[in-house]
Amino acid sequence: MVDEALSRMSLTEISEALVKREVSSQEVVRNSLEELEKRGPSLNCVARLFPEQALAEAESADQELSSGTSQGPLHGVPLLHKDMFYRTGKISACGSKICEDYVPDLTATALLKLDQAGALDIGRLKMVEFAYGLTGHNEITGDVRNPWNPEYIPGGSSSGPAAAVAGFLSYGSLGSDTGGSIRFPASCCGLVGMKPTYGRVSRFGAMPLSFSLDHIGPLTRTVADC
């Protein structure tokens, strides 16, 4: 059974709860996977999940915490990200049929930084095809729905991340912003979206739209989580 109170905790709150051993990473991951299975289809925001990997990594995270070891501020926290951040051996479709079987042989630096902070990468979220559009419309994967009102757009191109975070399916998510693709979905879904200074967050391993304009940043529910 889904623990809605657990799902509705902020990124900062769930991180603190894990450190204090008030909840285990395995419990958090199982709850997230159940939420995603239950409510993900209604928002049409999930591209794919890595459940077996997520549970195995959560078990390791719990063992490390039991021994007094923490990888960082996101230790054991499950996150999902826009389907344009490459990870070795995992499909990165970028919202397109052209890339539906594309498996990169490299991992995005932004993901590696999250790994180093202890975060668990449990899946990918839908997006506007090749990150080119602001509505969340995608003829191939279907339109992502706004969790506040399914008749409204979630914004784009980081439509899946915005819907998932606002819909309490992910505690936070990486998005990309070339012409508003973090800021507009955040506005549409009542989130905090940060477009960092150009180059502050590495773009390596993220699908490029415009090398001179692309920015990588987070979508979260609170300012503190950014």
N, C-alpha and C. Protein backbone atom coordinates (compact mmCIF):
# COMPACT_ATOMS: atom_id res chain seq x y z
N MET A 1 0.83 -1.19 0.00
CA MET A 1 0.00 0.00 0.00
C MET A 1 0.88 1.25 0.00
N VAL A 2 0.50 2.21 -0.82
CA VAL A 2 1.27 3.44 -0.94
C VAL A 2 1.15 4.28 0.33
N ASP A 3 2.28 4.77 0.81
CA ASP A 3 2.31 5.68 1.95
C ASP A 3 2.36 7.10 1.40
N GLU A 4 1.20 7.76 1.33
CA GLU A 4 1.13 9.08 0.71
C GLU A 4 1.93 10.12 1.48
N ALA A 5 1.98 9.98 2.79
CA ALA A 5 2.76 10.93 3.59
C ALA A 5 4.23 10.86 3.22
N LEU A 6 4.71 9.66 2.95
CA LEU A 6 6.10 9.48 2.55
C LEU A 6 6.35 10.11 1.18
N SER A 7 5.41 9.92 0.27
CA SER A 7 5.55 10.47 -1.08
C SER A 7 5.55 11.99 -1.08
N ARG A 8 4.83 12.58 -0.14
CA ARG A 8 4.68 14.03 -0.13
C ARG A 8 5.77 14.77 0.64
N MET A 9 6.71 14.05 1.16
CA MET A 9 7.85 14.70 1.81
C MET A 9 8.70 15.40 0.75
N SER A 10 9.31 16.50 1.13
CA SER A 10 10.20 17.19 0.21
C SER A 10 11.51 16.43 0.09
N LEU A 11 12.31 16.82 -0.86
CA LEU A 11 13.62 16.18 -1.05
C LEU A 11 14.47 16.33 0.21
N THR A 12 14.45 17.51 0.79
CA THR A 12 15.21 17.74 2.02
C THR A 12 14.69 16.89 3.17
N GLU A 13 13.38 16.81 3.28
CA GLU A 13 12.77 16.03 4.37
C GLU A 13 13.07 14.55 4.25
N ILE A 14 12.97 13.99 3.05
CA ILE A 14 13.22 12.56 2.89
C ILE A 14 14.69 12.25 3.12
N SER A 15 15.56 13.16 2.72
CA SER A 15 16.99 12.97 2.95
C SER A 15 17.29 12.93 4.45
N GLU A 16 16.69 13.86 5.19
CA GLU A 16 16.91 13.90 6.64
C GLU A 16 16.33 12.66 7.32
N ALA A 17 15.17 12.20 6.85
CA ALA A 17 14.55 11.00 7.43
C ALA A 17 15.42 9.77 7.22
N LEU A 18 16.06 9.69 6.07
CA LEU A 18 16.96 8.56 5.79
C LEU A 18 18.18 8.60 6.69
N VAL A 19 18.76 9.77 6.86
CA VAL A 19 19.94 9.92 7.70
C VAL A 19 19.63 9.55 9.15
N LYS A 20 18.43 9.94 9.61
CA LYS A 20 18.03 9.66 10.99
C LYS A 20 17.52 8.23 11.17
N ARG A 21 17.48 7.48 10.07
CA ARG A 21 17.01 6.09 10.08
C ARG A 21 15.53 5.98 10.48
N GLU A 22 14.77 7.02 10.18
CA GLU A 22 13.33 7.00 10.43
C GLU A 22 12.61 6.18 9.36
N VAL A 23 13.27 5.99 8.25
CA VAL A 23 12.76 5.19 7.15
C VAL A 23 13.97 4.65 6.40
N SER A 24 13.81 3.50 5.76
CA SER A 24 14.92 2.93 4.99
C SER A 24 14.80 3.32 3.53
N SER A 25 15.92 3.27 2.84
CA SER A 25 15.92 3.55 1.40
C SER A 25 15.06 2.54 0.66
N GLN A 26 15.10 1.29 1.10
CA GLN A 26 14.29 0.26 0.45
C GLN A 26 12.80 0.57 0.57
N GLU A 27 12.38 1.06 1.74
CA GLU A 27 10.98 1.44 1.93
C GLU A 27 10.61 2.60 1.02
N VAL A 28 11.50 3.57 0.92
CA VAL A 28 11.23 4.74 0.08
C VAL A 28 11.15 4.34 -1.39
N VAL A 29 12.07 3.50 -1.83
CA VAL A 29 12.08 3.08 -3.23
C VAL A 29 10.84 2.26 -3.56
N ARG A 30 10.49 1.32 -2.70
CA ARG A 30 9.29 0.51 -2.94
C ARG A 30 8.05 1.40 -3.01
N ASN A 31 7.98 2.36 -2.12
CA ASN A 31 6.83 3.26 -2.12
C ASN A 31 6.79 4.09 -3.40
N SER A 32 7.94 4.56 -3.85
CA SER A 32 8.01 5.34 -5.09
C SER A 32 7.59 4.50 -6.29
N LEU A 33 8.06 3.26 -6.35
CA LEU A 33 7.71 2.39 -7.47
C LEU A 33 6.22 2.08 -7.48
N GLU A 34 5.62 1.90 -6.30
CA GLU A 34 4.18 1.66 -6.22
C GLU A 34 3.40 2.89 -6.68
N GLU A 35 3.85 4.07 -6.25
CA GLU A 35 3.21 5.31 -6.69
C GLU A 35 3.29 5.46 -8.20
N LEU A 36 4.46 5.19 -8.74
CA LEU A 36 4.67 5.32 -10.19
C LEU A 36 3.79 4.35 -10.96
N GLU A 37 3.64 3.14 -10.45
CA GLU A 37 2.80 2.15 -11.12
C GLU A 37 1.32 2.53 -11.01
N LYS A 38 0.95 3.09 -9.87
CA LYS A 38 -0.45 3.42 -9.61
C LYS A 38 -0.90 4.67 -10.36
N ARG A 39 -0.10 5.73 -10.29
CA ARG A 39 -0.54 7.02 -10.79
C ARG A 39 0.24 7.54 -11.99
N GLY A 40 1.36 6.89 -12.30
CA GLY A 40 2.14 7.32 -13.45
C GLY A 40 1.38 7.31 -14.76
N PRO A 41 0.59 6.24 -15.04
CA PRO A 41 -0.13 6.20 -16.31
C PRO A 41 -1.11 7.35 -16.50
N SER A 42 -1.76 7.80 -15.43
CA SER A 42 -2.75 8.88 -15.58
C SER A 42 -2.09 10.20 -15.96
N LEU A 43 -0.83 10.38 -15.59
CA LEU A 43 -0.10 11.59 -15.96
C LEU A 43 0.71 11.39 -17.24
N ASN A 44 0.87 10.14 -17.65
CA ASN A 44 1.67 9.79 -18.84
C ASN A 44 3.05 10.44 -18.80
N CYS A 45 3.69 10.35 -17.63
CA CYS A 45 4.97 11.05 -17.48
C CYS A 45 6.18 10.12 -17.42
N VAL A 46 5.95 8.81 -17.29
CA VAL A 46 7.06 7.87 -17.10
C VAL A 46 7.47 7.24 -18.43
N ALA A 47 8.74 7.33 -18.75
CA ALA A 47 9.26 6.69 -19.96
C ALA A 47 9.67 5.25 -19.67
N ARG A 48 10.44 5.05 -18.61
CA ARG A 48 10.85 3.70 -18.21
C ARG A 48 11.40 3.74 -16.79
N LEU A 49 11.32 2.57 -16.13
CA LEU A 49 11.81 2.44 -14.76
C LEU A 49 12.90 1.38 -14.69
N PHE A 50 13.72 1.48 -13.65
CA PHE A 50 14.78 0.50 -13.40
C PHE A 50 14.54 -0.13 -12.03
N PRO A 51 13.45 -0.89 -11.85
CA PRO A 51 13.07 -1.36 -10.52
C PRO A 51 14.07 -2.29 -9.84
N GLU A 52 14.58 -3.27 -10.58
CA GLU A 52 15.51 -4.22 -9.97
C GLU A 52 16.78 -3.51 -9.52
N GLN A 53 17.31 -2.68 -10.38
CA GLN A 53 18.52 -1.92 -10.05
C GLN A 53 18.25 -1.00 -8.86
N ALA A 54 17.09 -0.36 -8.85
CA ALA A 54 16.75 0.58 -7.78
C ALA A 54 16.70 -0.11 -6.43
N LEU A 55 16.07 -1.28 -6.38
CA LEU A 55 15.94 -2.00 -5.11
C LEU A 55 17.28 -2.53 -4.64
N ALA A 56 18.11 -2.98 -5.58
CA ALA A 56 19.44 -3.47 -5.21
C ALA A 56 20.30 -2.34 -4.66
N GLU A 57 20.23 -1.18 -5.30
CA GLU A 57 21.02 -0.04 -4.83
C GLU A 57 20.49 0.50 -3.51
N ALA A 58 19.17 0.41 -3.31
CA ALA A 58 18.59 0.85 -2.04
C ALA A 58 19.06 -0.05 -0.90
N GLU A 59 19.15 -1.33 -1.15
CA GLU A 59 19.65 -2.26 -0.13
C GLU A 59 21.08 -1.92 0.24
N SER A 60 21.89 -1.63 -0.76
CA SER A 60 23.28 -1.24 -0.50
C SER A 60 23.35 0.07 0.28
N ALA A 61 22.47 1.01 -0.08
CA ALA A 61 22.45 2.30 0.62
C ALA A 61 22.10 2.11 2.09
N ASP A 62 21.15 1.23 2.37
CA ASP A 62 20.76 0.96 3.76
C ASP A 62 21.90 0.31 4.53
N GLN A 63 22.60 -0.60 3.89
CA GLN A 63 23.73 -1.26 4.55
C GLN A 63 24.82 -0.26 4.89
N GLU A 64 25.06 0.67 3.98
CA GLU A 64 26.07 1.70 4.23
C GLU A 64 25.68 2.60 5.39
N LEU A 65 24.41 2.99 5.42
CA LEU A 65 23.95 3.83 6.53
C LEU A 65 24.03 3.09 7.86
N SER A 66 23.76 1.79 7.82
CA SER A 66 23.84 0.98 9.04
C SER A 66 25.26 0.93 9.59
N SER A 67 26.23 1.01 8.68
CA SER A 67 27.63 0.96 9.10
C SER A 67 28.20 2.35 9.37
N GLY A 68 27.33 3.36 9.28
CA GLY A 68 27.78 4.73 9.56
C GLY A 68 28.38 5.45 8.38
N THR A 69 28.16 4.91 7.17
CA THR A 69 28.71 5.51 5.96
C THR A 69 27.60 6.20 5.16
N SER A 70 27.88 7.42 4.72
CA SER A 70 26.94 8.14 3.86
C SER A 70 27.69 8.68 2.66
N GLN A 71 27.11 8.48 1.47
CA GLN A 71 27.74 8.95 0.25
C GLN A 71 27.58 10.46 0.05
N GLY A 72 26.57 11.03 0.70
CA GLY A 72 26.34 12.46 0.52
C GLY A 72 24.94 12.85 0.91
N PRO A 73 24.54 14.07 0.61
CA PRO A 73 23.25 14.60 1.05
C PRO A 73 22.03 13.93 0.44
N LEU A 74 22.22 13.17 -0.63
CA LEU A 74 21.09 12.49 -1.28
C LEU A 74 21.16 10.97 -1.10
N HIS A 75 21.91 10.53 -0.11
CA HIS A 75 22.15 9.10 0.09
C HIS A 75 20.82 8.34 0.22
N GLY A 76 20.59 7.42 -0.73
CA GLY A 76 19.42 6.56 -0.68
C GLY A 76 18.14 7.16 -1.20
N VAL A 77 18.20 8.38 -1.74
CA VAL A 77 16.99 9.05 -2.24
C VAL A 77 16.74 8.67 -3.70
N PRO A 78 15.57 8.12 -4.03
CA PRO A 78 15.28 7.76 -5.43
C PRO A 78 14.84 8.98 -6.24
N LEU A 79 15.38 9.11 -7.44
CA LEU A 79 15.04 10.21 -8.33
C LEU A 79 14.83 9.69 -9.74
N LEU A 80 13.99 10.37 -10.51
CA LEU A 80 13.82 10.10 -11.93
C LEU A 80 14.18 11.36 -12.70
N HIS A 81 14.62 11.19 -13.95
CA HIS A 81 15.11 12.33 -14.70
C HIS A 81 14.59 12.34 -16.13
N LYS A 82 14.66 13.49 -16.73
CA LYS A 82 14.27 13.70 -18.13
C LYS A 82 15.01 12.71 -19.02
N ASP A 83 14.30 12.16 -20.01
CA ASP A 83 14.83 11.08 -20.84
C ASP A 83 15.82 11.57 -21.90
N MET A 84 16.75 12.41 -21.48
CA MET A 84 17.78 12.91 -22.39
C MET A 84 19.14 12.91 -21.71
N PHE A 85 19.17 12.37 -20.48
CA PHE A 85 20.43 12.26 -19.75
C PHE A 85 20.95 10.85 -19.90
N TYR A 86 22.11 10.74 -20.53
CA TYR A 86 22.64 9.43 -20.89
C TYR A 86 23.23 8.71 -19.68
N ARG A 87 23.00 7.40 -19.65
CA ARG A 87 23.68 6.52 -18.70
C ARG A 87 24.09 5.27 -19.44
N THR A 88 25.32 4.86 -19.25
CA THR A 88 25.86 3.70 -19.94
C THR A 88 24.92 2.50 -19.78
N GLY A 89 24.53 1.91 -20.92
CA GLY A 89 23.72 0.71 -20.90
C GLY A 89 22.23 0.92 -20.76
N LYS A 90 21.77 2.19 -20.62
CA LYS A 90 20.35 2.48 -20.47
C LYS A 90 19.85 3.26 -21.69
N ILE A 91 18.66 2.88 -22.17
CA ILE A 91 18.08 3.57 -23.31
C ILE A 91 17.84 5.04 -22.98
N SER A 92 18.17 5.91 -23.92
CA SER A 92 17.87 7.33 -23.83
C SER A 92 17.16 7.72 -25.12
N ALA A 93 15.83 7.73 -25.10
CA ALA A 93 15.06 7.93 -26.33
C ALA A 93 14.87 9.40 -26.69
N CYS A 94 15.06 10.30 -25.75
CA CYS A 94 14.93 11.74 -26.00
C CYS A 94 13.56 12.11 -26.56
N GLY A 95 12.54 11.33 -26.19
CA GLY A 95 11.18 11.62 -26.63
C GLY A 95 10.91 11.35 -28.09
N SER A 96 11.78 10.59 -28.74
CA SER A 96 11.67 10.38 -30.19
C SER A 96 11.69 8.90 -30.55
N LYS A 97 10.97 8.55 -31.61
CA LYS A 97 11.00 7.19 -32.12
C LYS A 97 12.35 6.88 -32.75
N ILE A 98 13.00 7.90 -33.28
CA ILE A 98 14.30 7.72 -33.92
C ILE A 98 15.31 7.14 -32.94
N CYS A 99 15.22 7.54 -31.68
CA CYS A 99 16.20 7.12 -30.67
C CYS A 99 15.63 6.11 -29.68
N GLU A 100 14.51 5.46 -30.02
CA GLU A 100 13.85 4.59 -29.05
C GLU A 100 14.71 3.41 -28.62
N ASP A 101 15.72 3.05 -29.41
CA ASP A 101 16.61 1.95 -29.04
C ASP A 101 18.04 2.42 -28.79
N TYR A 102 18.22 3.72 -28.66
CA TYR A 102 19.58 4.24 -28.48
C TYR A 102 20.09 3.96 -27.07
N VAL A 103 21.21 3.25 -27.01
CA VAL A 103 21.84 2.92 -25.72
C VAL A 103 23.23 3.54 -25.72
N PRO A 104 23.45 4.60 -24.97
CA PRO A 104 24.75 5.28 -24.95
C PRO A 104 25.82 4.47 -24.23
N ASP A 105 27.07 4.79 -24.53
CA ASP A 105 28.19 4.14 -23.86
C ASP A 105 28.90 5.12 -22.94
N LEU A 106 28.16 6.10 -22.47
CA LEU A 106 28.71 7.10 -21.55
C LEU A 106 27.60 7.54 -20.60
N THR A 107 28.01 8.17 -19.51
CA THR A 107 27.05 8.64 -18.50
C THR A 107 27.20 10.15 -18.33
N ALA A 108 26.07 10.83 -18.29
CA ALA A 108 26.07 12.28 -18.13
C ALA A 108 26.76 12.69 -16.84
N THR A 109 27.56 13.74 -16.93
CA THR A 109 28.26 14.23 -15.74
C THR A 109 27.28 14.62 -14.64
N ALA A 110 26.16 15.21 -15.00
CA ALA A 110 25.17 15.60 -13.99
C ALA A 110 24.66 14.38 -13.22
N LEU A 111 24.48 13.26 -13.91
CA LEU A 111 24.06 12.03 -13.23
C LEU A 111 25.17 11.50 -12.34
N LEU A 112 26.40 11.58 -12.81
CA LEU A 112 27.53 11.12 -12.00
C LEU A 112 27.64 11.94 -10.72
N LYS A 113 27.38 13.23 -10.81
CA LYS A 113 27.41 14.09 -9.62
C LYS A 113 26.33 13.67 -8.62
N LEU A 114 25.16 13.32 -9.13
CA LEU A 114 24.10 12.85 -8.25
C LEU A 114 24.46 11.49 -7.64
N ASP A 115 25.09 10.63 -8.45
CA ASP A 115 25.57 9.35 -7.92
C ASP A 115 26.52 9.58 -6.75
N GLN A 116 27.42 10.52 -6.93
CA GLN A 116 28.42 10.82 -5.90
C GLN A 116 27.77 11.37 -4.63
N ALA A 117 26.60 12.00 -4.80
CA ALA A 117 25.87 12.53 -3.65
C ALA A 117 24.99 11.46 -3.00
N GLY A 118 24.99 10.25 -3.59
CA GLY A 118 24.26 9.14 -3.00
C GLY A 118 22.88 8.89 -3.56
N ALA A 119 22.44 9.68 -4.55
CA ALA A 119 21.10 9.52 -5.11
C ALA A 119 20.99 8.21 -5.89
N LEU A 120 19.77 7.68 -5.93
CA LEU A 120 19.48 6.47 -6.70
C LEU A 120 18.72 6.87 -7.97
N ASP A 121 19.23 6.45 -9.11
CA ASP A 121 18.62 6.75 -10.40
C ASP A 121 17.65 5.63 -10.73
N ILE A 122 16.33 5.88 -10.61
CA ILE A 122 15.38 4.78 -10.74
C ILE A 122 14.54 4.83 -12.02
N GLY A 123 14.78 5.81 -12.90
CA GLY A 123 14.02 5.80 -14.13
C GLY A 123 14.14 7.08 -14.94
N ARG A 124 13.41 7.09 -16.06
CA ARG A 124 13.40 8.23 -16.96
C ARG A 124 11.97 8.74 -17.16
N LEU A 125 11.89 10.03 -17.43
CA LEU A 125 10.60 10.70 -17.57
C LEU A 125 10.42 11.26 -18.98
N LYS A 126 9.20 11.28 -19.43
CA LYS A 126 8.90 11.72 -20.80
C LYS A 126 9.17 13.20 -20.99
N MET A 127 9.28 13.57 -22.25
CA MET A 127 9.66 14.93 -22.61
C MET A 127 9.13 15.25 -23.99
N VAL A 128 9.15 16.51 -24.35
CA VAL A 128 8.87 16.91 -25.73
C VAL A 128 9.98 16.36 -26.62
N GLU A 129 9.62 15.90 -27.81
CA GLU A 129 10.60 15.28 -28.70
C GLU A 129 11.81 16.19 -28.92
N PHE A 130 12.98 15.64 -28.60
CA PHE A 130 14.26 16.34 -28.74
C PHE A 130 14.27 17.69 -28.01
N ALA A 131 13.45 17.79 -26.96
CA ALA A 131 13.42 18.98 -26.09
C ALA A 131 13.05 20.26 -26.84
N TYR A 132 12.28 20.10 -27.91
CA TYR A 132 11.96 21.26 -28.75
C TYR A 132 10.47 21.57 -28.67
N GLY A 133 10.06 22.30 -27.65
CA GLY A 133 8.66 22.67 -27.50
C GLY A 133 8.33 22.99 -26.06
N LEU A 134 7.33 23.82 -25.85
CA LEU A 134 7.02 24.32 -24.51
C LEU A 134 5.70 23.84 -23.94
N THR A 135 4.96 22.98 -24.65
CA THR A 135 3.62 22.62 -24.16
C THR A 135 3.57 21.28 -23.44
N GLY A 136 4.48 20.38 -23.76
CA GLY A 136 4.39 19.01 -23.25
C GLY A 136 3.78 18.07 -24.27
N HIS A 137 3.46 18.59 -25.45
CA HIS A 137 2.86 17.77 -26.51
C HIS A 137 3.92 16.88 -27.15
N ASN A 138 3.57 15.61 -27.35
CA ASN A 138 4.46 14.68 -28.05
C ASN A 138 3.59 13.67 -28.78
N GLU A 139 3.61 13.72 -30.11
CA GLU A 139 2.77 12.83 -30.91
C GLU A 139 3.20 11.37 -30.79
N ILE A 140 4.43 11.12 -30.39
CA ILE A 140 4.96 9.76 -30.34
C ILE A 140 4.65 9.09 -29.02
N THR A 141 4.97 9.76 -27.93
CA THR A 141 4.79 9.16 -26.60
C THR A 141 3.51 9.62 -25.92
N GLY A 142 2.79 10.54 -26.53
CA GLY A 142 1.57 11.07 -25.94
C GLY A 142 1.84 12.29 -25.08
N ASP A 143 0.81 13.07 -24.86
CA ASP A 143 0.96 14.30 -24.07
C ASP A 143 1.06 13.98 -22.58
N VAL A 144 2.00 14.62 -21.92
CA VAL A 144 2.09 14.53 -20.46
C VAL A 144 0.99 15.41 -19.87
N ARG A 145 0.39 14.94 -18.75
CA ARG A 145 -0.72 15.66 -18.12
C ARG A 145 -0.26 16.46 -16.91
N ASN A 146 -0.87 17.59 -16.71
CA ASN A 146 -0.60 18.41 -15.54
C ASN A 146 -1.29 17.79 -14.33
N PRO A 147 -0.57 17.48 -13.25
CA PRO A 147 -1.20 16.81 -12.11
C PRO A 147 -2.24 17.65 -11.38
N TRP A 148 -2.20 18.96 -11.55
CA TRP A 148 -3.20 19.82 -10.91
C TRP A 148 -4.52 19.79 -11.67
N ASN A 149 -4.43 19.64 -12.98
CA ASN A 149 -5.62 19.56 -13.82
C ASN A 149 -5.21 18.91 -15.14
N PRO A 150 -5.68 17.69 -15.41
CA PRO A 150 -5.24 16.97 -16.62
C PRO A 150 -5.64 17.64 -17.92
N GLU A 151 -6.52 18.63 -17.85
CA GLU A 151 -6.91 19.36 -19.05
C GLU A 151 -5.93 20.49 -19.37
N TYR A 152 -5.02 20.78 -18.44
CA TYR A 152 -4.04 21.84 -18.64
C TYR A 152 -2.71 21.25 -19.07
N ILE A 153 -1.91 22.05 -19.76
CA ILE A 153 -0.59 21.59 -20.16
C ILE A 153 0.35 21.64 -18.95
N PRO A 154 1.37 20.75 -18.92
CA PRO A 154 2.36 20.79 -17.85
C PRO A 154 3.52 21.72 -18.17
N GLY A 155 3.55 22.20 -19.42
CA GLY A 155 4.71 22.94 -19.89
C GLY A 155 5.76 21.99 -20.42
N GLY A 156 6.71 22.52 -21.16
CA GLY A 156 7.77 21.70 -21.73
C GLY A 156 9.04 22.52 -21.88
N SER A 157 10.10 21.90 -22.31
CA SER A 157 10.08 20.52 -22.77
C SER A 157 10.27 19.49 -21.66
N SER A 158 10.56 19.98 -20.43
CA SER A 158 10.74 19.07 -19.30
C SER A 158 9.38 18.75 -18.69
N SER A 159 8.48 18.24 -19.52
CA SER A 159 7.10 17.99 -19.11
C SER A 159 7.00 16.83 -18.13
N GLY A 160 7.69 15.73 -18.41
CA GLY A 160 7.66 14.58 -17.51
C GLY A 160 8.21 14.90 -16.13
N PRO A 161 9.40 15.52 -16.05
CA PRO A 161 9.92 15.90 -14.74
C PRO A 161 8.97 16.80 -13.95
N ALA A 162 8.38 17.78 -14.61
CA ALA A 162 7.47 18.69 -13.90
C ALA A 162 6.25 17.95 -13.37
N ALA A 163 5.65 17.11 -14.21
CA ALA A 163 4.46 16.36 -13.79
C ALA A 163 4.79 15.38 -12.67
N ALA A 164 5.93 14.71 -12.78
CA ALA A 164 6.30 13.71 -11.78
C ALA A 164 6.59 14.35 -10.43
N VAL A 165 7.30 15.46 -10.42
CA VAL A 165 7.64 16.12 -9.16
C VAL A 165 6.40 16.75 -8.53
N ALA A 166 5.61 17.46 -9.34
CA ALA A 166 4.39 18.08 -8.82
C ALA A 166 3.36 17.03 -8.40
N GLY A 167 3.38 15.88 -9.06
CA GLY A 167 2.44 14.80 -8.75
C GLY A 167 2.91 13.86 -7.67
N PHE A 168 4.00 14.20 -7.00
CA PHE A 168 4.55 13.42 -5.89
C PHE A 168 5.01 12.02 -6.32
N LEU A 169 5.51 11.93 -7.54
CA LEU A 169 6.06 10.67 -8.05
C LEU A 169 7.58 10.66 -8.01
N SER A 170 8.18 11.82 -7.86
CA SER A 170 9.64 11.92 -7.73
C SER A 170 9.93 13.10 -6.81
N TYR A 171 10.95 12.94 -5.97
CA TYR A 171 11.28 14.00 -5.01
C TYR A 171 11.98 15.19 -5.68
N GLY A 172 12.45 14.98 -6.87
CA GLY A 172 13.11 16.01 -7.66
C GLY A 172 13.51 15.40 -8.98
N SER A 173 13.97 16.23 -9.90
CA SER A 173 14.34 15.71 -11.21
C SER A 173 15.26 16.69 -11.93
N LEU A 174 16.12 16.13 -12.77
CA LEU A 174 16.94 16.96 -13.65
C LEU A 174 16.15 17.28 -14.91
N GLY A 175 16.25 18.53 -15.33
CA GLY A 175 15.67 18.95 -16.59
C GLY A 175 16.70 19.73 -17.38
N SER A 176 16.29 20.20 -18.54
CA SER A 176 17.16 21.04 -19.36
C SER A 176 16.40 22.29 -19.75
N ASP A 177 17.12 23.39 -19.94
CA ASP A 177 16.50 24.66 -20.28
C ASP A 177 17.31 25.34 -21.37
N THR A 178 16.72 25.43 -22.56
CA THR A 178 17.33 26.13 -23.68
C THR A 178 16.62 27.46 -23.92
N GLY A 179 15.29 27.40 -23.87
CA GLY A 179 14.50 28.62 -24.04
C GLY A 179 13.35 28.69 -23.06
N GLY A 180 13.51 28.03 -21.91
CA GLY A 180 12.45 28.05 -20.90
C GLY A 180 12.00 26.68 -20.44
N SER A 181 12.69 25.63 -20.86
CA SER A 181 12.21 24.26 -20.67
C SER A 181 12.29 23.73 -19.25
N ILE A 182 12.92 24.45 -18.34
CA ILE A 182 12.80 24.15 -16.91
C ILE A 182 11.83 25.15 -16.28
N ARG A 183 12.00 26.41 -16.60
CA ARG A 183 11.25 27.48 -15.94
C ARG A 183 9.76 27.44 -16.27
N PHE A 184 9.42 27.18 -17.52
CA PHE A 184 8.00 27.18 -17.90
C PHE A 184 7.24 26.01 -17.29
N PRO A 185 7.74 24.77 -17.37
CA PRO A 185 7.04 23.67 -16.70
C PRO A 185 6.93 23.87 -15.19
N ALA A 186 7.98 24.43 -14.59
CA ALA A 186 7.93 24.71 -13.15
C ALA A 186 6.79 25.69 -12.85
N SER A 187 6.65 26.70 -13.68
CA SER A 187 5.58 27.67 -13.51
C SER A 187 4.21 27.03 -13.69
N CYS A 188 4.07 26.19 -14.70
CA CYS A 188 2.79 25.55 -14.98
C CYS A 188 2.37 24.58 -13.88
N CYS A 189 3.34 23.97 -13.21
CA CYS A 189 3.05 22.92 -12.24
C CYS A 189 3.30 23.33 -10.79
N GLY A 190 3.57 24.60 -10.55
CA GLY A 190 3.74 25.07 -9.19
C GLY A 190 5.00 24.59 -8.52
N LEU A 191 6.09 24.53 -9.26
CA LEU A 191 7.35 24.01 -8.74
C LEU A 191 8.42 25.10 -8.71
N VAL A 192 9.56 24.73 -8.17
CA VAL A 192 10.76 25.56 -8.26
C VAL A 192 11.62 24.99 -9.38
N GLY A 193 11.93 25.79 -10.36
CA GLY A 193 12.80 25.36 -11.44
C GLY A 193 13.98 26.31 -11.55
N MET A 194 15.16 25.77 -11.57
CA MET A 194 16.36 26.62 -11.60
C MET A 194 17.11 26.46 -12.92
N LYS A 195 17.34 27.58 -13.58
CA LYS A 195 18.22 27.62 -14.75
C LYS A 195 19.55 28.20 -14.26
N PRO A 196 20.55 27.36 -14.02
CA PRO A 196 21.82 27.86 -13.48
C PRO A 196 22.57 28.71 -14.50
N THR A 197 23.59 29.40 -14.01
CA THR A 197 24.49 30.13 -14.89
C THR A 197 25.04 29.19 -15.96
N TYR A 198 25.12 29.69 -17.18
CA TYR A 198 25.60 28.87 -18.30
C TYR A 198 26.94 28.23 -17.97
N GLY A 199 27.01 26.91 -18.12
CA GLY A 199 28.25 26.18 -17.87
C GLY A 199 28.47 25.78 -16.43
N ARG A 200 27.64 26.28 -15.52
CA ARG A 200 27.82 25.94 -14.10
C ARG A 200 27.60 24.45 -13.87
N VAL A 201 26.65 23.87 -14.59
CA VAL A 201 26.39 22.43 -14.54
C VAL A 201 26.79 21.84 -15.89
N SER A 202 27.62 20.84 -15.87
CA SER A 202 28.13 20.24 -17.10
C SER A 202 27.00 19.71 -17.98
N ARG A 203 27.11 19.95 -19.28
CA ARG A 203 26.15 19.45 -20.25
C ARG A 203 26.62 18.14 -20.87
N PHE A 204 27.80 17.67 -20.49
CA PHE A 204 28.33 16.44 -21.08
C PHE A 204 27.38 15.27 -20.78
N GLY A 205 27.05 14.52 -21.83
CA GLY A 205 26.19 13.36 -21.67
C GLY A 205 24.71 13.68 -21.64
N ALA A 206 24.37 14.93 -21.93
CA ALA A 206 22.96 15.31 -22.08
C ALA A 206 22.71 15.63 -23.55
N MET A 207 21.58 15.18 -24.08
CA MET A 207 21.28 15.44 -25.48
C MET A 207 21.35 16.94 -25.77
N PRO A 208 22.13 17.34 -26.75
CA PRO A 208 22.25 18.77 -27.06
C PRO A 208 21.10 19.26 -27.95
N LEU A 209 20.59 20.42 -27.63
CA LEU A 209 19.67 21.11 -28.53
C LEU A 209 20.37 22.31 -29.13
N SER A 210 20.99 23.11 -28.27
CA SER A 210 21.79 24.26 -28.72
C SER A 210 22.96 24.41 -27.75
N PHE A 211 24.16 24.14 -28.24
CA PHE A 211 25.33 24.17 -27.36
C PHE A 211 25.53 25.52 -26.67
N SER A 212 25.11 26.59 -27.32
CA SER A 212 25.33 27.92 -26.75
C SER A 212 24.22 28.37 -25.82
N LEU A 213 23.14 27.59 -25.75
CA LEU A 213 21.99 28.01 -24.94
C LEU A 213 21.54 26.96 -23.92
N ASP A 214 21.98 25.72 -24.06
CA ASP A 214 21.52 24.65 -23.17
C ASP A 214 22.01 24.85 -21.74
N HIS A 215 21.11 24.65 -20.79
CA HIS A 215 21.43 24.68 -19.37
C HIS A 215 20.83 23.43 -18.71
N ILE A 216 21.51 22.88 -17.73
CA ILE A 216 21.02 21.74 -16.98
C ILE A 216 20.69 22.20 -15.57
N GLY A 217 19.49 21.84 -15.09
CA GLY A 217 19.11 22.28 -13.76
C GLY A 217 18.02 21.42 -13.17
N PRO A 218 17.67 21.69 -11.90
CA PRO A 218 16.69 20.87 -11.19
C PRO A 218 15.27 21.43 -11.22
N LEU A 219 14.32 20.52 -11.05
CA LEU A 219 12.94 20.88 -10.73
C LEU A 219 12.62 20.22 -9.40
N THR A 220 12.16 21.02 -8.45
CA THR A 220 11.85 20.52 -7.11
C THR A 220 10.57 21.19 -6.60
N ARG A 221 10.13 20.75 -5.41
CA ARG A 221 8.91 21.32 -4.83
C ARG A 221 9.18 22.53 -3.96
N THR A 222 10.41 22.67 -3.48
CA THR A 222 10.73 23.78 -2.59
C THR A 222 12.05 24.43 -2.99
N VAL A 223 12.24 25.66 -2.57
CA VAL A 223 13.50 26.37 -2.83
C VAL A 223 14.65 25.65 -2.15
N ALA A 224 14.43 25.18 -0.93
CA ALA A 224 15.49 24.51 -0.18
C ALA A 224 16.00 23.28 -0.92
N ASP A 225 15.12 22.60 -1.65
CA ASP A 225 15.52 21.38 -2.36
C ASP A 225 16.44 21.66 -3.53
N CYS A 226 16.33 22.85 -4.11
CA CYS A 226 17.23 23.21 -5.22
C CYS A 226 18.65 23.44 -4.71
